[in-house]
C-alpha atoms as a PDB file:
ATOM      1  CA  UNK A   1      11.121 107.757   8.848  1.00  0.00           C
ATOM      2  CA  UNK A   2      12.699 105.405  11.286  1.00  0.00           C
ATOM      3  CA  UNK A   3       9.388 104.319  12.646  1.00  0.00           C
ATOM      4  CA  UNK A   4       8.031 103.785   9.135  1.00  0.00           C
ATOM      5  CA  UNK A   5      11.044 101.737   8.154  1.00  0.00           C
ATOM      6  CA  UNK A   6      10.714  99.742  11.308  1.00  0.00           C
ATOM      7  CA  UNK A   7       7.012  99.141  10.674  1.00  0.00           C
ATOM      8  CA  UNK A   8       7.702  98.078   7.105  1.00  0.00           C
ATOM      9  CA  UNK A   9      10.398  95.697   8.201  1.00  0.00           C
ATOM     10  CA  UNK A  10       8.093  94.239  10.813  1.00  0.00           C
ATOM     11  CA  UNK A  11       5.320  93.808   8.263  1.00  0.00           C
ATOM     12  CA  UNK A  12       7.677  92.232   5.779  1.00  0.00           C
ATOM     13  CA  UNK A  13       8.967  89.835   8.427  1.00  0.00           C
ATOM     14  CA  UNK A  14       5.449  88.791   9.403  1.00  0.00           C
ATOM     15  CA  UNK A  15       4.522  88.215   5.784  1.00  0.00           C
ATOM     16  CA  UNK A  16       7.599  86.103   5.262  1.00  0.00           C
ATOM     17  CA  UNK A  17       6.835  84.111   8.399  1.00  0.00           C
ATOM     18  CA  UNK A  18       3.285  83.576   7.279  1.00  0.00           C
ATOM     19  CA  UNK A  19       4.566  82.317   3.953  1.00  0.00           C
ATOM     20  CA  UNK A  20       6.988  80.016   5.644  1.00  0.00           C
ATOM     21  CA  UNK A  21       4.264  78.719   7.955  1.00  0.00           C
ATOM     22  CA  UNK A  22       1.940  78.237   5.004  1.00  0.00           C
ATOM     23  CA  UNK A  23       4.618  76.368   3.095  1.00  0.00           C
ATOM     24  CA  UNK A  24       5.329  74.154   6.099  1.00  0.00           C
ATOM     25  CA  UNK A  25       1.631  73.503   6.559  1.00  0.00           C
ATOM     26  CA  UNK A  26       1.265  72.598   2.880  1.00  0.00           C
ATOM     27  CA  UNK A  27       4.289  70.349   3.068  1.00  0.00           C
ATOM     28  CA  UNK A  28       2.968  68.638   6.201  1.00  0.00           C
ATOM     29  CA  UNK A  29      -0.420  68.222   4.606  1.00  0.00           C
ATOM     30  CA  UNK A  30       1.132  66.700   1.524  1.00  0.00           C
ATOM     31  CA  UNK A  31       3.291  64.384   3.618  1.00  0.00           C
ATOM     32  CA  UNK A  32       0.255  63.394   5.657  1.00  0.00           C
ATOM     33  CA  UNK A  33      -1.711  62.744   2.475  1.00  0.00           C
ATOM     34  CA  UNK A  34       1.111  60.669   1.007  1.00  0.00           C
ATOM     35  CA  UNK A  35       1.386  58.718   4.264  1.00  0.00           C
ATOM     36  CA  UNK A  36      -2.341  58.070   4.303  1.00  0.00           C
ATOM     37  CA  UNK A  37      -2.263  56.998   0.676  1.00  0.00           C
ATOM     38  CA  UNK A  38       0.657  54.672   1.322  1.00  0.00           C
ATOM     39  CA  UNK A  39      -1.056  53.302   4.393  1.00  0.00           C
ATOM     40  CA  UNK A  40      -4.247  52.746   2.411  1.00  0.00           C
ATOM     41  CA  UNK A  41      -2.288  51.065  -0.407  1.00  0.00           C
ATOM     42  CA  UNK A  42      -0.487  48.827   2.070  1.00  0.00           C
ATOM     43  CA  UNK A  43      -3.826  47.865   3.597  1.00  0.00           C
ATOM     44  CA  UNK A  44      -5.261  47.225   0.164  1.00  0.00           C
ATOM     45  CA  UNK A  45      -2.329  44.972  -0.692  1.00  0.00           C
ATOM     46  CA  UNK A  46      -2.634  43.206   2.648  1.00  0.00           C
ATOM     47  CA  UNK A  47      -6.323  42.583   2.068  1.00  0.00           C
ATOM     48  CA  UNK A  48      -5.595  41.390  -1.472  1.00  0.00           C
ATOM     49  CA  UNK A  49      -2.915  38.994  -0.215  1.00  0.00           C
ATOM     50  CA  UNK A  50      -5.241  37.781   2.520  1.00  0.00           C
ATOM     51  CA  UNK A  51      -8.005  37.206  -0.007  1.00  0.00           C
ATOM     52  CA  UNK A  52      -5.593  35.397  -2.335  1.00  0.00           C
ATOM     53  CA  UNK A  53      -4.363  33.204   0.525  1.00  0.00           C
ATOM     54  CA  UNK A  54      -7.926  32.461   1.567  1.00  0.00           C
ATOM     55  CA  UNK A  55      -8.685  31.466  -1.997  1.00  0.00           C
ATOM     56  CA  UNK A  56      -5.551  29.323  -2.118  1.00  0.00           C
ATOM     57  CA  UNK A  57      -6.391  27.606   1.147  1.00  0.00           C
ATOM     58  CA  UNK A  58      -9.900  26.999  -0.143  1.00  0.00           C
ATOM     59  CA  UNK A  59      -8.496  25.455  -3.327  1.00  0.00           C
ATOM     60  CA  UNK A  60      -6.147  23.264  -1.299  1.00  0.00           C
ATOM     61  CA  UNK A  61      -9.013  22.148   0.903  1.00  0.00           C
ATOM     62  CA  UNK A  62     -11.146  21.408  -2.150  1.00  0.00           C
ATOM     63  CA  UNK A  63      -8.275  19.468  -3.734  1.00  0.00           C
ATOM     64  CA  UNK A  64      -7.733  17.427  -0.577  1.00  0.00           C
ATOM     65  CA  UNK A  65     -11.445  16.711  -0.418  1.00  0.00           C
ATOM     66  CA  UNK A  66     -11.342  15.500  -4.023  1.00  0.00           C
ATOM     67  CA  UNK A  67      -8.447  13.187  -3.126  1.00  0.00           C
ATOM     68  CA  UNK A  68     -10.323  11.787  -0.127  1.00  0.00           C
ATOM     69  CA  UNK A  69     -13.438  11.208  -2.230  1.00  0.00           C
ATOM     70  CA  UNK A  70     -11.508   9.448  -4.996  1.00  0.00           C
ATOM     71  CA  UNK A  71      -9.715   7.206  -2.479  1.00  0.00           C
ATOM     72  CA  UNK A  72     -12.704   6.581  -0.208  1.00  0.00           C
ATOM     73  CA  UNK A  73     -13.046   3.064  -1.633  1.00  0.00           C
ATOM     74  CA  UNK A  74      -9.704   2.036  -0.124  1.00  0.00           C
ATOM     75  CA  UNK A  75     -10.930   1.203   3.365  1.00  0.00           C
ATOM     76  CA  UNK A  76     -10.276  -1.814   5.590  1.00  0.00           C
ATOM     77  CA  UNK A  77     -13.049  -3.763   3.894  1.00  0.00           C
ATOM     78  CA  UNK A  78     -11.403  -3.174   0.512  1.00  0.00           C
ATOM     79  CA  UNK A  79      -8.011  -4.449   1.672  1.00  0.00           C
ATOM     80  CA  UNK A  80      -9.599  -7.475   3.361  1.00  0.00           C
ATOM     81  CA  UNK A  81     -11.360  -8.328   0.111  1.00  0.00           C
ATOM     82  CA  UNK A  82      -8.113  -7.868  -1.814  1.00  0.00           C
ATOM     83  CA  UNK A  83      -6.372 -10.285   0.549  1.00  0.00           C
ATOM     84  CA  UNK A  84      -9.193 -12.814   0.233  1.00  0.00           C
ATOM     85  CA  UNK A  85      -9.172 -12.441  -3.540  1.00  0.00           C
ATOM     86  CA  UNK A  86      -5.451 -13.160  -3.658  1.00  0.00           C
ATOM     87  CA  UNK A  87      -5.811 -16.251  -1.473  1.00  0.00           C
ATOM     88  CA  UNK A  88      -8.927 -17.350  -3.352  1.00  0.00           C
ATOM     89  CA  UNK A  89      -6.981 -17.353  -6.603  1.00  0.00           C
ATOM     90  CA  UNK A  90      -4.421 -19.853  -5.289  1.00  0.00           C
ATOM     91  CA  UNK A  91      -6.249 -22.023  -2.769  1.00  0.00           C
ATOM     92  CA  UNK A  92      -8.261 -23.943  -5.410  1.00  0.00           C
ATOM     93  CA  UNK A  93      -5.013 -24.967  -7.113  1.00  0.00           C
ATOM     94  CA  UNK A  94      -3.584 -26.086  -3.765  1.00  0.00           C
ATOM     95  CA  UNK A  95      -6.726 -28.105  -3.034  1.00  0.00           C
ATOM     96  CA  UNK A  96      -6.515 -29.761  -6.443  1.00  0.00           C
ATOM     97  CA  UNK A  97      -2.887 -30.677  -5.799  1.00  0.00           C
ATOM     98  CA  UNK A  98      -3.787 -32.018  -2.360  1.00  0.00           C
ATOM     99  CA  UNK A  99      -6.543 -34.211  -3.804  1.00  0.00           C
ATOM    100  CA  UNK A 100      -4.107 -35.600  -6.368  1.00  0.00           C
ATOM    101  CA  UNK A 101      -1.435 -36.101  -3.711  1.00  0.00           C
ATOM    102  CA  UNK A 102      -3.848 -37.986  -1.464  1.00  0.00           C
ATOM    103  CA  UNK A 103      -4.702 -40.282  -4.342  1.00  0.00           C
ATOM    104  CA  UNK A 104      -1.069 -40.871  -5.214  1.00  0.00           C
ATOM    105  CA  UNK A 105      -0.152 -41.503  -1.573  1.00  0.00           C
ATOM    106  CA  UNK A 106      -3.045 -43.912  -1.163  1.00  0.00           C
ATOM    107  CA  UNK A 107      -1.975 -45.868  -4.225  1.00  0.00           C
ATOM    108  CA  UNK A 108       1.676 -45.990  -3.165  1.00  0.00           C
ATOM    109  CA  UNK A 109       0.898 -47.084   0.395  1.00  0.00           C
ATOM    110  CA  UNK A 110      -1.580 -49.679  -0.832  1.00  0.00           C
ATOM    111  CA  UNK A 111       1.037 -51.093  -3.190  1.00  0.00           C
ATOM    112  CA  UNK A 112       3.370 -51.555  -0.231  1.00  0.00           C
ATOM    113  CA  UNK A 113       0.611 -52.934   1.973  1.00  0.00           C
ATOM    114  CA  UNK A 114       0.992 -50.118   4.513  1.00  0.00           C
ATOM    115  CA  UNK A 115      -2.163 -48.163   3.779  1.00  0.00           C
ATOM    116  CA  UNK A 116      -3.833 -49.166   7.052  1.00  0.00           C
ATOM    117  CA  UNK A 117      -0.642 -49.166   9.100  1.00  0.00           C
ATOM    118  CA  UNK A 118       0.728 -46.570  11.498  1.00  0.00           C
ATOM    119  CA  UNK A 119       3.260 -45.698   8.795  1.00  0.00           C
ATOM    120  CA  UNK A 120       0.425 -44.877   6.431  1.00  0.00           C
ATOM    121  CA  UNK A 121      -1.337 -42.758   9.038  1.00  0.00           C
ATOM    122  CA  UNK A 122       1.898 -40.927   9.738  1.00  0.00           C
ATOM    123  CA  UNK A 123       2.458 -40.205   6.050  1.00  0.00           C
ATOM    124  CA  UNK A 124      -1.085 -38.877   5.654  1.00  0.00           C
ATOM    125  CA  UNK A 125      -0.505 -36.705   8.709  1.00  0.00           C
ATOM    126  CA  UNK A 126       2.663 -35.345   7.129  1.00  0.00           C
ATOM    127  CA  UNK A 127       0.777 -34.683   3.907  1.00  0.00           C
ATOM    128  CA  UNK A 128      -1.922 -32.704   5.712  1.00  0.00           C
ATOM    129  CA  UNK A 129       0.749 -30.814   7.636  1.00  0.00           C
ATOM    130  CA  UNK A 130       2.413 -29.908   4.338  1.00  0.00           C
ATOM    131  CA  UNK A 131      -0.955 -28.709   3.028  1.00  0.00           C
ATOM    132  CA  UNK A 132      -1.529 -26.656   6.181  1.00  0.00           C
ATOM    133  CA  UNK A 133       1.841 -24.990   5.836  1.00  0.00           C
ATOM    134  CA  UNK A 134       1.091 -24.217   2.197  1.00  0.00           C
ATOM    135  CA  UNK A 135      -2.240 -22.662   3.161  1.00  0.00           C
ATOM    136  CA  UNK A 136      -0.494 -20.549   5.785  1.00  0.00           C
ATOM    137  CA  UNK A 137       2.063 -19.475   3.183  1.00  0.00           C
ATOM    138  CA  UNK A 138      -0.711 -18.436   0.810  1.00  0.00           C
ATOM    139  CA  UNK A 139      -2.387 -16.546   3.651  1.00  0.00           C
ATOM    140  CA  UNK A 140       0.838 -14.707   4.451  1.00  0.00           C
ATOM    141  CA  UNK A 141       1.364 -13.863   0.792  1.00  0.00           C
ATOM    142  CA  UNK A 142      -2.219 -12.577   0.593  1.00  0.00           C
ATOM    143  CA  UNK A 143      -1.634 -10.384   3.646  1.00  0.00           C
ATOM    144  CA  UNK A 144       1.607  -9.079   2.146  1.00  0.00           C
ATOM    145  CA  UNK A 145      -0.235  -8.304  -1.073  1.00  0.00           C
ATOM    146  CA  UNK A 146      -2.929  -6.338   0.771  1.00  0.00           C
ATOM    147  CA  UNK A 147      -0.324  -4.488   2.857  1.00  0.00           C
ATOM    148  CA  UNK A 148       1.647  -3.642  -0.270  1.00  0.00           C
ATOM    149  CA  UNK A 149      -1.492  -2.332  -1.900  1.00  0.00           C
ATOM    150  CA  UNK A 150      -2.267  -0.253   1.192  1.00  0.00           C
ATOM    151  CA  UNK A 151       1.257   1.175   1.100  1.00  0.00           C
ATOM    152  CA  UNK A 152       0.860   2.065  -2.584  1.00  0.00           C
ATOM    153  CA  UNK A 153      -2.423   3.795  -1.827  1.00  0.00           C
ATOM    154  CA  UNK A 154      -0.900   5.807   1.027  1.00  0.00           C
ATOM    155  CA  UNK A 155       2.069   6.802  -1.131  1.00  0.00           C
ATOM    156  CA  UNK A 156      -0.190   7.911  -3.979  1.00  0.00           C
ATOM    157  CA  UNK A 157      -2.394   9.922  -1.620  1.00  0.00           C
ATOM    158  CA  UNK A 158       0.564  11.692  -0.025  1.00  0.00           C
ATOM    159  CA  UNK A 159       1.912  12.660  -3.444  1.00  0.00           C
ATOM    160  CA  UNK A 160      -1.502  14.003  -4.394  1.00  0.00           C
ATOM    161  CA  UNK A 161      -1.703  15.996  -1.157  1.00  0.00           C
ATOM    162  CA  UNK A 162       1.676  17.522  -2.036  1.00  0.00           C
ATOM    163  CA  UNK A 163       0.357  18.351  -5.502  1.00  0.00           C
ATOM    164  CA  UNK A 164      -2.753  19.918  -3.988  1.00  0.00           C
ATOM    165  CA  UNK A 165      -0.599  22.050  -1.698  1.00  0.00           C
ATOM    166  CA  UNK A 166       1.733  23.248  -4.427  1.00  0.00           C
ATOM    167  CA  UNK A 167      -0.739  23.682  -7.283  1.00  0.00           C
ATOM    168  CA  UNK A 168      -3.852  24.755  -5.369  1.00  0.00           C
ATOM    169  CA  UNK A 169      -5.816  23.634  -8.435  1.00  0.00           C
ATOM    170  CA  UNK A 170      -8.734  21.461  -7.303  1.00  0.00           C
ATOM    171  CA  UNK A 171      -9.850  20.599 -10.836  1.00  0.00           C
ATOM    172  CA  UNK A 172      -6.426  19.264 -11.824  1.00  0.00           C
ATOM    173  CA  UNK A 173      -6.006  17.464  -8.508  1.00  0.00           C
ATOM    174  CA  UNK A 174      -9.446  15.864  -8.824  1.00  0.00           C
ATOM    175  CA  UNK A 175      -8.701  14.556 -12.311  1.00  0.00           C
ATOM    176  CA  UNK A 176      -5.326  13.205 -11.201  1.00  0.00           C
ATOM    177  CA  UNK A 177      -6.880  11.577  -8.122  1.00  0.00           C
ATOM    178  CA  UNK A 178      -9.521   9.772 -10.152  1.00  0.00           C
ATOM    179  CA  UNK A 179      -6.883   8.434 -12.516  1.00  0.00           C
ATOM    180  CA  UNK A 180      -4.610   7.258  -9.698  1.00  0.00           C
ATOM    181  CA  UNK A 181      -7.393   5.607  -7.714  1.00  0.00           C
ATOM    182  CA  UNK A 182      -8.745   3.838 -10.807  1.00  0.00           C
ATOM    183  CA  UNK A 183      -5.313   2.423 -11.597  1.00  0.00           C
ATOM    184  CA  UNK A 184      -4.782   1.252  -8.023  1.00  0.00           C
ATOM    185  CA  UNK A 185      -8.224  -0.333  -7.874  1.00  0.00           C
ATOM    186  CA  UNK A 186      -7.456  -2.223 -11.077  1.00  0.00           C
ATOM    187  CA  UNK A 187      -4.201  -3.574  -9.670  1.00  0.00           C
ATOM    188  CA  UNK A 188      -6.009  -4.685  -6.538  1.00  0.00           C
ATOM    189  CA  UNK A 189      -8.704  -6.474  -8.509  1.00  0.00           C
ATOM    190  CA  UNK A 190      -6.217  -8.338 -10.720  1.00  0.00           C
ATOM    191  CA  UNK A 191      -3.210  -9.264  -8.559  1.00  0.00           C
ATOM    192  CA  UNK A 192      -0.093 -10.565 -10.253  1.00  0.00           C
ATOM    193  CA  UNK A 193       0.215 -14.010  -8.709  1.00  0.00           C
ATOM    194  CA  UNK A 194       3.385 -16.017  -8.447  1.00  0.00           C
ATOM    195  CA  UNK A 195       2.946 -19.579  -9.782  1.00  0.00           C
ATOM    196  CA  UNK A 196       2.075 -21.920  -6.948  1.00  0.00           C
ATOM    197  CA  UNK A 197       4.252 -24.740  -8.224  1.00  0.00           C
ATOM    198  CA  UNK A 198       3.852 -28.376  -7.215  1.00  0.00           C
ATOM    199  CA  UNK A 199       3.635 -28.249  -3.428  1.00  0.00           C
ATOM    200  CA  UNK A 200       3.764 -32.020  -2.848  1.00  0.00           C
ATOM    201  CA  UNK A 201       6.189 -33.265  -5.512  1.00  0.00           C
ATOM    202  CA  UNK A 202       9.178 -33.638  -3.183  1.00  0.00           C
ATOM    203  CA  UNK A 203       6.931 -35.222  -0.565  1.00  0.00           C
ATOM    204  CA  UNK A 204       5.722 -38.008  -2.846  1.00  0.00           C
ATOM    205  CA  UNK A 205       8.885 -38.581  -4.905  1.00  0.00           C
ATOM    206  CA  UNK A 206      10.931 -40.416  -2.218  1.00  0.00           C
ATOM    207  CA  UNK A 207       7.994 -42.682  -1.490  1.00  0.00           C
ATOM    208  CA  UNK A 208       7.517 -43.362  -5.180  1.00  0.00           C
ATOM    209  CA  UNK A 209      11.186 -44.280  -5.527  1.00  0.00           C
ATOM    210  CA  UNK A 210      10.947 -46.513  -2.488  1.00  0.00           C
ATOM    211  CA  UNK A 211       7.841 -48.215  -3.832  1.00  0.00           C
ATOM    212  CA  UNK A 212       9.489 -48.780  -7.208  1.00  0.00           C
ATOM    213  CA  UNK A 213      12.636 -50.155  -5.594  1.00  0.00           C
ATOM    214  CA  UNK A 214      10.554 -52.361  -3.357  1.00  0.00           C
ATOM    215  CA  UNK A 215       8.497 -53.801  -6.196  1.00  0.00           C
ATOM    216  CA  UNK A 216      11.550 -54.393  -8.411  1.00  0.00           C
ATOM    217  CA  UNK A 217      13.901 -55.665  -5.724  1.00  0.00           C
ATOM    218  CA  UNK A 218      15.193 -59.247  -5.677  1.00  0.00           C
ATOM    219  CA  UNK A 219      17.692 -58.604  -2.914  1.00  0.00           C
ATOM    220  CA  UNK A 220      17.544 -57.781   0.791  1.00  0.00           C
ATOM    221  CA  UNK A 221      14.891 -55.117   0.282  1.00  0.00           C
ATOM    222  CA  UNK A 222      12.405 -57.830  -0.681  1.00  0.00           C
ATOM    223  CA  UNK A 223      13.348 -61.249   0.733  1.00  0.00           C
ATOM    224  CA  UNK A 224      11.979 -64.222  -1.123  1.00  0.00           C
ATOM    225  CA  UNK A 225      10.726 -67.284   0.731  1.00  0.00           C
ATOM    226  CA  UNK A 226      11.514 -70.624  -0.853  1.00  0.00           C
ATOM    227  CA  UNK A 227       8.605 -72.888  -1.607  1.00  0.00           C
ATOM    228  CA  UNK A 228       7.784 -75.048   1.338  1.00  0.00           C
ATOM    229  CA  UNK A 229       9.848 -72.991   3.774  1.00  0.00           C
ATOM    230  CA  UNK A 230       8.250 -72.272   7.154  1.00  0.00           C
ATOM    231  CA  UNK A 231       6.428 -68.988   7.433  1.00  0.00           C
ATOM    232  CA  UNK A 232       6.440 -68.732  11.221  1.00  0.00           C
ATOM    233  CA  UNK A 233       8.638 -69.736  14.074  1.00  0.00           C
ATOM    234  CA  UNK A 234      12.329 -70.486  13.670  1.00  0.00           C
ATOM    235  CA  UNK A 235      13.733 -69.778  10.270  1.00  0.00           C
ATOM    236  CA  UNK A 236      10.807 -67.631   9.198  1.00  0.00           C
ATOM    237  CA  UNK A 237      11.334 -64.478   7.117  1.00  0.00           C
ATOM    238  CA  UNK A 238       9.442 -61.136   7.619  1.00  0.00           C
ATOM    239  CA  UNK A 239       9.427 -57.903   5.651  1.00  0.00           C
ATOM    240  CA  UNK A 240       9.231 -54.764   7.839  1.00  0.00           C
ATOM    241  CA  UNK A 241       6.850 -52.312   6.290  1.00  0.00           C
END
């Protein structure tokens, strides 16, 4: 019986081992399957995230393109025209003032008898210099206006680029870009001008006062010559003009 008991024990042990091995194999297979499933799910999620990012980048690119298209009008030629438009709105007024000032200066110098003198030429030179300075001032203001407009355009575009990056919504960005560019174009076409003022008033006023004082004077400013008094040589009187 000992051999039979031994054989039975051996058989039982082998069966148990086979069961253990089978259980381990099943467990390993299940673990391997779970790992493969998890790996596949991770890859699926990675591909989904990659596709979503590709879509997002495409939307951002489309939004940026919409911004560039809406703002394409704001090139160097546009800003040059804006500067010229600003200057063109004020230069006619300056020219009108200059024409009036020339007439007033001519009349005042003629009244004093100095229209053809070196003093008259000097005053006309000063008047033209004042006009030149005023033109330069208008030119500088026009340049500042165009530069300010360019800065506003750049600021608006950068904000829209930020919106495109954060929203990744090309339709919304396009609509916003069109609205912004239209508003900026309107402000460039209709600049808010500062009043030019009277450029030559303080230039002509002292001369006008002097002319009035001269014409009304009965004292040293306008010496009177007695009737019959000599007009040349010793004892003569002369007004310096």
